Amino acid sequence: MPIYEYFCPACNGQFQKLVRGFSDPPGLACPRCGNTEVRRAISRFATLKSEDDRIESLADPSNFMGLDESDPRSIARWAKRLGKELGEDAGEDWDEMVDQMLEEELSGKQDDEEGSSSAKPDNLGWA
């Protein structure tokens, strides 16, 4: 049984309905305003990719369009897209880590593991 999304042009509301078969159920109405002139909306969907497909898509040159290697914000946006593509492999805290690195880069303070900032940090492509 599919779940369809519907749009109500009267109140601009959207709602979902579990439907038997492929035709709209009788008496379908907007739960917000009661309008019966609702339309089926186009739903978002996801596709599963194999690991090989994900790796191949990462090598696509279009992923690097608009990337400015001298701009930390541009690198952070790219890194977040990379994290989304990697999914679980990147780890749950990927975006948080990228934000922290960006903040450190923009503030100019990059500490090494001992907590002192006297050692020169490794160049990870951020600057």
N, C-alpha and C. Protein backbone atom coordinates (compact mmCIF):
# COMPACT_ATOMS: atom_id res chain seq x y z
N MET A 1 0.85 -1.17 0.00
CA MET A 1 0.00 0.00 0.00
C MET A 1 0.89 1.24 0.00
N PRO A 2 0.79 2.06 -1.02
CA PRO A 2 1.64 3.25 -1.09
C PRO A 2 1.12 4.39 -0.22
N ILE A 3 2.03 5.25 0.17
CA ILE A 3 1.68 6.49 0.85
C ILE A 3 1.84 7.60 -0.18
N TYR A 4 0.77 8.31 -0.44
CA TYR A 4 0.80 9.41 -1.40
C TYR A 4 0.79 10.73 -0.65
N GLU A 5 1.42 11.72 -1.25
CA GLU A 5 1.38 13.08 -0.71
C GLU A 5 0.39 13.88 -1.55
N TYR A 6 -0.35 14.74 -0.89
CA TYR A 6 -1.36 15.55 -1.56
C TYR A 6 -1.14 17.02 -1.24
N PHE A 7 -1.59 17.88 -2.15
CA PHE A 7 -1.50 19.32 -2.01
C PHE A 7 -2.89 19.91 -2.09
N CYS A 8 -3.21 20.82 -1.20
CA CYS A 8 -4.50 21.51 -1.21
C CYS A 8 -4.29 22.93 -1.71
N PRO A 9 -4.84 23.27 -2.89
CA PRO A 9 -4.65 24.62 -3.42
C PRO A 9 -5.42 25.69 -2.62
N ALA A 10 -6.42 25.29 -1.86
CA ALA A 10 -7.22 26.26 -1.11
C ALA A 10 -6.43 26.84 0.08
N CYS A 11 -5.70 25.99 0.80
CA CYS A 11 -4.98 26.46 2.00
C CYS A 11 -3.47 26.27 1.89
N ASN A 12 -3.01 25.80 0.72
CA ASN A 12 -1.59 25.51 0.49
C ASN A 12 -1.05 24.45 1.46
N GLY A 13 -1.92 23.61 1.95
CA GLY A 13 -1.51 22.55 2.86
C GLY A 13 -1.03 21.31 2.12
N GLN A 14 -0.17 20.58 2.76
CA GLN A 14 0.28 19.30 2.23
C GLN A 14 0.03 18.24 3.28
N PHE A 15 -0.37 17.06 2.83
CA PHE A 15 -0.60 15.96 3.76
C PHE A 15 -0.34 14.64 3.06
N GLN A 16 -0.21 13.60 3.85
CA GLN A 16 0.05 12.26 3.32
C GLN A 16 -1.14 11.37 3.62
N LYS A 17 -1.33 10.38 2.76
CA LYS A 17 -2.45 9.45 2.93
C LYS A 17 -2.01 8.06 2.50
N LEU A 18 -2.25 7.08 3.34
CA LEU A 18 -2.00 5.69 3.00
C LEU A 18 -3.16 5.21 2.14
N VAL A 19 -2.86 4.70 0.95
CA VAL A 19 -3.89 4.40 -0.04
C VAL A 19 -3.79 2.94 -0.47
N ARG A 20 -4.93 2.29 -0.60
CA ARG A 20 -4.96 0.94 -1.17
C ARG A 20 -5.02 1.06 -2.67
N GLY A 21 -4.11 0.40 -3.35
CA GLY A 21 -4.10 0.47 -4.80
C GLY A 21 -3.47 1.75 -5.29
N PHE A 22 -3.85 2.13 -6.52
CA PHE A 22 -3.22 3.29 -7.14
C PHE A 22 -4.16 4.46 -7.35
N SER A 23 -5.42 4.30 -7.05
CA SER A 23 -6.36 5.40 -7.24
C SER A 23 -6.64 6.07 -5.90
N ASP A 24 -7.02 7.34 -5.98
CA ASP A 24 -7.31 8.10 -4.77
C ASP A 24 -8.54 7.52 -4.07
N PRO A 25 -8.54 7.51 -2.73
CA PRO A 25 -9.68 6.96 -2.01
C PRO A 25 -10.90 7.87 -2.12
N PRO A 26 -12.08 7.33 -2.05
CA PRO A 26 -13.29 8.17 -2.09
C PRO A 26 -13.37 9.05 -0.84
N GLY A 27 -13.85 10.26 -1.02
CA GLY A 27 -14.02 11.18 0.11
C GLY A 27 -12.72 11.83 0.56
N LEU A 28 -11.71 11.82 -0.29
CA LEU A 28 -10.43 12.42 0.06
C LEU A 28 -10.58 13.93 0.20
N ALA A 29 -10.16 14.47 1.36
CA ALA A 29 -10.28 15.90 1.62
C ALA A 29 -9.10 16.37 2.44
N CYS A 30 -8.80 17.65 2.33
CA CYS A 30 -7.71 18.25 3.10
C CYS A 30 -8.06 18.21 4.58
N PRO A 31 -7.18 17.69 5.43
CA PRO A 31 -7.49 17.63 6.86
C PRO A 31 -7.49 19.01 7.53
N ARG A 32 -6.89 20.01 6.89
CA ARG A 32 -6.83 21.35 7.47
C ARG A 32 -8.09 22.14 7.19
N CYS A 33 -8.52 22.17 5.90
CA CYS A 33 -9.65 23.04 5.55
C CYS A 33 -10.87 22.27 5.02
N GLY A 34 -10.71 20.97 4.76
CA GLY A 34 -11.83 20.17 4.29
C GLY A 34 -12.07 20.22 2.79
N ASN A 35 -11.25 20.93 2.04
CA ASN A 35 -11.39 21.04 0.59
C ASN A 35 -11.23 19.66 -0.05
N THR A 36 -12.12 19.33 -0.97
CA THR A 36 -12.05 18.03 -1.66
C THR A 36 -11.32 18.13 -2.99
N GLU A 37 -10.92 19.33 -3.39
CA GLU A 37 -10.21 19.52 -4.66
C GLU A 37 -8.69 19.46 -4.43
N VAL A 38 -8.22 18.37 -3.84
CA VAL A 38 -6.79 18.22 -3.58
C VAL A 38 -6.13 17.52 -4.77
N ARG A 39 -4.83 17.74 -4.92
CA ARG A 39 -4.07 17.12 -6.00
C ARG A 39 -2.92 16.31 -5.41
N ARG A 40 -2.58 15.26 -6.12
CA ARG A 40 -1.43 14.47 -5.73
C ARG A 40 -0.16 15.27 -5.98
N ALA A 41 0.72 15.28 -5.01
CA ALA A 41 1.98 16.01 -5.13
C ALA A 41 3.09 15.03 -5.52
N ILE A 42 4.12 15.56 -6.13
CA ILE A 42 5.27 14.72 -6.47
C ILE A 42 6.14 14.59 -5.23
N SER A 43 6.39 13.38 -4.84
CA SER A 43 7.14 13.10 -3.62
C SER A 43 8.63 13.00 -3.91
N ARG A 44 9.42 13.28 -2.89
CA ARG A 44 10.85 13.04 -2.98
C ARG A 44 11.09 11.55 -2.82
N PHE A 45 12.15 11.09 -3.42
CA PHE A 45 12.48 9.68 -3.27
C PHE A 45 13.99 9.53 -3.18
N ALA A 46 14.41 8.40 -2.71
CA ALA A 46 15.83 8.12 -2.55
C ALA A 46 16.19 6.90 -3.38
N THR A 47 17.41 6.91 -3.85
CA THR A 47 17.90 5.73 -4.56
C THR A 47 19.11 5.20 -3.81
N LEU A 48 19.25 3.91 -3.80
CA LEU A 48 20.39 3.29 -3.15
C LEU A 48 21.54 3.21 -4.14
N LYS A 49 22.73 3.52 -3.67
CA LYS A 49 23.92 3.44 -4.51
C LYS A 49 24.87 2.41 -3.93
N SER A 50 25.50 1.68 -4.82
CA SER A 50 26.53 0.76 -4.36
C SER A 50 27.76 1.57 -3.97
N GLU A 51 28.68 0.94 -3.28
CA GLU A 51 29.91 1.64 -2.89
C GLU A 51 30.68 2.09 -4.12
N ASP A 52 30.71 1.25 -5.15
CA ASP A 52 31.40 1.62 -6.39
C ASP A 52 30.76 2.84 -7.04
N ASP A 53 29.41 2.90 -7.04
CA ASP A 53 28.72 4.06 -7.61
C ASP A 53 29.01 5.33 -6.83
N ARG A 54 29.08 5.21 -5.49
CA ARG A 54 29.38 6.37 -4.66
C ARG A 54 30.79 6.88 -4.94
N ILE A 55 31.75 5.97 -5.03
CA ILE A 55 33.13 6.36 -5.30
C ILE A 55 33.25 7.00 -6.68
N GLU A 56 32.56 6.42 -7.65
CA GLU A 56 32.58 6.98 -9.01
C GLU A 56 31.98 8.38 -9.03
N SER A 57 30.90 8.59 -8.29
CA SER A 57 30.29 9.91 -8.27
C SER A 57 31.18 10.94 -7.59
N LEU A 58 32.00 10.51 -6.63
CA LEU A 58 32.93 11.44 -5.98
C LEU A 58 34.02 11.91 -6.93
N ALA A 59 34.34 11.09 -7.92
CA ALA A 59 35.39 11.45 -8.89
C ALA A 59 34.86 12.34 -10.01
N ASP A 60 33.57 12.58 -10.03
CA ASP A 60 32.97 13.42 -11.08
C ASP A 60 33.50 14.86 -10.95
N PRO A 61 34.09 15.40 -12.02
CA PRO A 61 34.64 16.76 -11.96
C PRO A 61 33.62 17.83 -11.59
N SER A 62 32.34 17.60 -11.83
CA SER A 62 31.33 18.60 -11.48
C SER A 62 31.25 18.81 -9.96
N ASN A 63 31.73 17.86 -9.17
CA ASN A 63 31.73 18.02 -7.71
C ASN A 63 32.68 19.13 -7.27
N PHE A 64 33.62 19.50 -8.13
CA PHE A 64 34.60 20.50 -7.77
C PHE A 64 34.31 21.86 -8.38
N MET A 65 33.20 21.98 -9.11
CA MET A 65 32.83 23.28 -9.69
C MET A 65 32.47 24.24 -8.56
N GLY A 66 32.98 25.44 -8.65
CA GLY A 66 32.70 26.44 -7.63
C GLY A 66 33.55 26.31 -6.39
N LEU A 67 34.46 25.35 -6.36
CA LEU A 67 35.33 25.15 -5.20
C LEU A 67 36.49 26.12 -5.28
N ASP A 68 36.62 26.95 -4.27
CA ASP A 68 37.72 27.90 -4.18
C ASP A 68 38.64 27.43 -3.08
N GLU A 69 39.80 26.90 -3.46
CA GLU A 69 40.72 26.31 -2.49
C GLU A 69 41.28 27.33 -1.51
N SER A 70 41.20 28.60 -1.82
CA SER A 70 41.71 29.62 -0.91
C SER A 70 40.64 30.14 0.05
N ASP A 71 39.40 29.68 -0.10
CA ASP A 71 38.29 30.12 0.75
C ASP A 71 37.87 28.99 1.68
N PRO A 72 38.11 29.13 2.99
CA PRO A 72 37.73 28.07 3.93
C PRO A 72 36.24 27.73 3.91
N ARG A 73 35.40 28.73 3.66
CA ARG A 73 33.96 28.46 3.63
C ARG A 73 33.60 27.57 2.43
N SER A 74 34.25 27.81 1.31
CA SER A 74 34.03 27.00 0.11
C SER A 74 34.48 25.55 0.37
N ILE A 75 35.61 25.40 1.02
CA ILE A 75 36.12 24.06 1.35
C ILE A 75 35.15 23.37 2.32
N ALA A 76 34.62 24.11 3.29
CA ALA A 76 33.69 23.52 4.26
C ALA A 76 32.41 23.05 3.56
N ARG A 77 31.89 23.86 2.63
CA ARG A 77 30.68 23.44 1.89
C ARG A 77 30.96 22.15 1.12
N TRP A 78 32.12 22.10 0.47
CA TRP A 78 32.50 20.90 -0.29
C TRP A 78 32.64 19.70 0.66
N ALA A 79 33.26 19.90 1.80
CA ALA A 79 33.46 18.81 2.75
C ALA A 79 32.12 18.28 3.27
N LYS A 80 31.15 19.17 3.48
CA LYS A 80 29.83 18.72 3.94
C LYS A 80 29.12 17.92 2.86
N ARG A 81 29.27 18.34 1.59
CA ARG A 81 28.69 17.54 0.49
C ARG A 81 29.35 16.17 0.43
N LEU A 82 30.66 16.15 0.62
CA LEU A 82 31.40 14.89 0.64
C LEU A 82 30.89 13.99 1.77
N GLY A 83 30.67 14.57 2.93
CA GLY A 83 30.17 13.80 4.07
C GLY A 83 28.79 13.21 3.80
N LYS A 84 27.93 13.97 3.12
CA LYS A 84 26.60 13.45 2.79
C LYS A 84 26.71 12.29 1.81
N GLU A 85 27.64 12.40 0.87
CA GLU A 85 27.82 11.33 -0.11
C GLU A 85 28.37 10.07 0.55
N LEU A 86 29.26 10.26 1.52
CA LEU A 86 29.85 9.10 2.20
C LEU A 86 28.89 8.48 3.19
N GLY A 87 27.93 9.24 3.68
CA GLY A 87 26.92 8.71 4.59
C GLY A 87 27.54 8.23 5.89
N GLU A 88 27.23 7.01 6.28
CA GLU A 88 27.70 6.44 7.54
C GLU A 88 29.22 6.36 7.61
N ASP A 89 29.87 6.19 6.46
CA ASP A 89 31.32 6.04 6.45
C ASP A 89 32.02 7.29 6.98
N ALA A 90 31.40 8.45 6.84
CA ALA A 90 32.01 9.70 7.31
C ALA A 90 31.86 9.85 8.82
N GLY A 91 30.90 9.20 9.41
CA GLY A 91 30.66 9.32 10.84
C GLY A 91 29.53 10.29 11.12
N GLU A 92 28.92 10.12 12.28
CA GLU A 92 27.75 10.92 12.65
C GLU A 92 28.09 12.38 12.89
N ASP A 93 29.32 12.66 13.32
CA ASP A 93 29.68 14.02 13.69
C ASP A 93 30.49 14.73 12.61
N TRP A 94 30.37 14.30 11.37
CA TRP A 94 31.15 14.87 10.27
C TRP A 94 30.91 16.37 10.12
N ASP A 95 29.64 16.79 10.03
CA ASP A 95 29.33 18.21 9.84
C ASP A 95 29.83 19.04 11.02
N GLU A 96 29.71 18.51 12.23
CA GLU A 96 30.18 19.22 13.41
C GLU A 96 31.70 19.40 13.35
N MET A 97 32.40 18.37 12.92
CA MET A 97 33.85 18.44 12.80
C MET A 97 34.25 19.48 11.74
N VAL A 98 33.55 19.48 10.61
CA VAL A 98 33.84 20.46 9.55
C VAL A 98 33.59 21.87 10.06
N ASP A 99 32.49 22.09 10.78
CA ASP A 99 32.19 23.42 11.33
C ASP A 99 33.28 23.86 12.31
N GLN A 100 33.75 22.93 13.13
CA GLN A 100 34.80 23.26 14.10
C GLN A 100 36.09 23.63 13.38
N MET A 101 36.45 22.88 12.34
CA MET A 101 37.66 23.20 11.58
C MET A 101 37.54 24.56 10.89
N LEU A 102 36.36 24.85 10.36
CA LEU A 102 36.13 26.15 9.72
C LEU A 102 36.27 27.28 10.73
N GLU A 103 35.67 27.10 11.89
CA GLU A 103 35.74 28.12 12.93
C GLU A 103 37.19 28.37 13.35
N GLU A 104 37.96 27.29 13.51
CA GLU A 104 39.37 27.43 13.89
C GLU A 104 40.15 28.13 12.78
N GLU A 105 39.86 27.78 11.55
CA GLU A 105 40.57 28.40 10.42
C GLU A 105 40.27 29.90 10.34
N LEU A 106 39.00 30.26 10.52
CA LEU A 106 38.62 31.66 10.42
C LEU A 106 39.11 32.49 11.61
N SER A 107 39.20 31.86 12.78
CA SER A 107 39.67 32.60 13.96
C SER A 107 41.19 32.66 14.02
N GLY A 108 41.86 31.79 13.24
CA GLY A 108 43.32 31.82 13.19
C GLY A 108 43.99 31.03 14.29
N LYS A 109 43.22 30.34 15.12
CA LYS A 109 43.86 29.55 16.17
C LYS A 109 43.70 28.07 15.86
N GLN A 110 44.81 27.43 15.63
CA GLN A 110 44.84 26.00 15.37
C GLN A 110 45.83 25.39 16.35
N ASP A 111 45.33 24.65 17.30
CA ASP A 111 46.18 24.06 18.33
C ASP A 111 46.57 22.66 17.93
N ASP A 112 47.78 22.28 18.34
CA ASP A 112 48.17 20.89 18.11
C ASP A 112 47.62 20.03 19.23
N GLU A 113 48.00 18.75 19.25
CA GLU A 113 47.40 17.81 20.19
C GLU A 113 47.72 18.14 21.63
N GLU A 114 48.91 18.76 21.92
CA GLU A 114 49.26 19.08 23.30
C GLU A 114 48.57 20.35 23.78
N GLY A 115 47.93 21.09 22.90
CA GLY A 115 47.22 22.29 23.31
C GLY A 115 48.00 23.56 23.08
N SER A 116 49.26 23.48 22.63
CA SER A 116 50.00 24.70 22.35
C SER A 116 49.86 25.04 20.88
N SER A 117 49.91 26.32 20.59
CA SER A 117 49.75 26.74 19.20
C SER A 117 51.09 27.11 18.58
N SER A 118 52.22 26.75 19.23
CA SER A 118 53.53 27.13 18.72
C SER A 118 53.95 26.27 17.54
N ALA A 119 53.52 25.02 17.49
CA ALA A 119 53.92 24.14 16.39
C ALA A 119 53.10 24.48 15.16
N LYS A 120 53.74 24.40 13.99
CA LYS A 120 53.04 24.69 12.74
C LYS A 120 52.12 23.53 12.42
N PRO A 121 50.81 23.77 12.17
CA PRO A 121 49.87 22.68 11.89
C PRO A 121 50.12 22.09 10.49
N ASP A 122 49.71 20.86 10.32
CA ASP A 122 49.80 20.23 9.01
C ASP A 122 48.87 20.94 8.05
N ASN A 123 49.27 21.10 6.81
CA ASN A 123 48.43 21.72 5.79
C ASN A 123 47.48 20.66 5.27
N LEU A 124 46.21 20.77 5.63
CA LEU A 124 45.21 19.81 5.21
C LEU A 124 44.39 20.34 4.04
N GLY A 125 44.90 21.35 3.36
CA GLY A 125 44.19 21.90 2.23
C GLY A 125 43.23 23.00 2.60
N TRP A 126 43.28 23.48 3.84
CA TRP A 126 42.37 24.53 4.28
C TRP A 126 42.92 25.91 3.94
N ALA A 127 44.22 26.00 3.78
CA ALA A 127 44.79 27.32 3.45
C ALA A 127 45.98 27.16 2.55
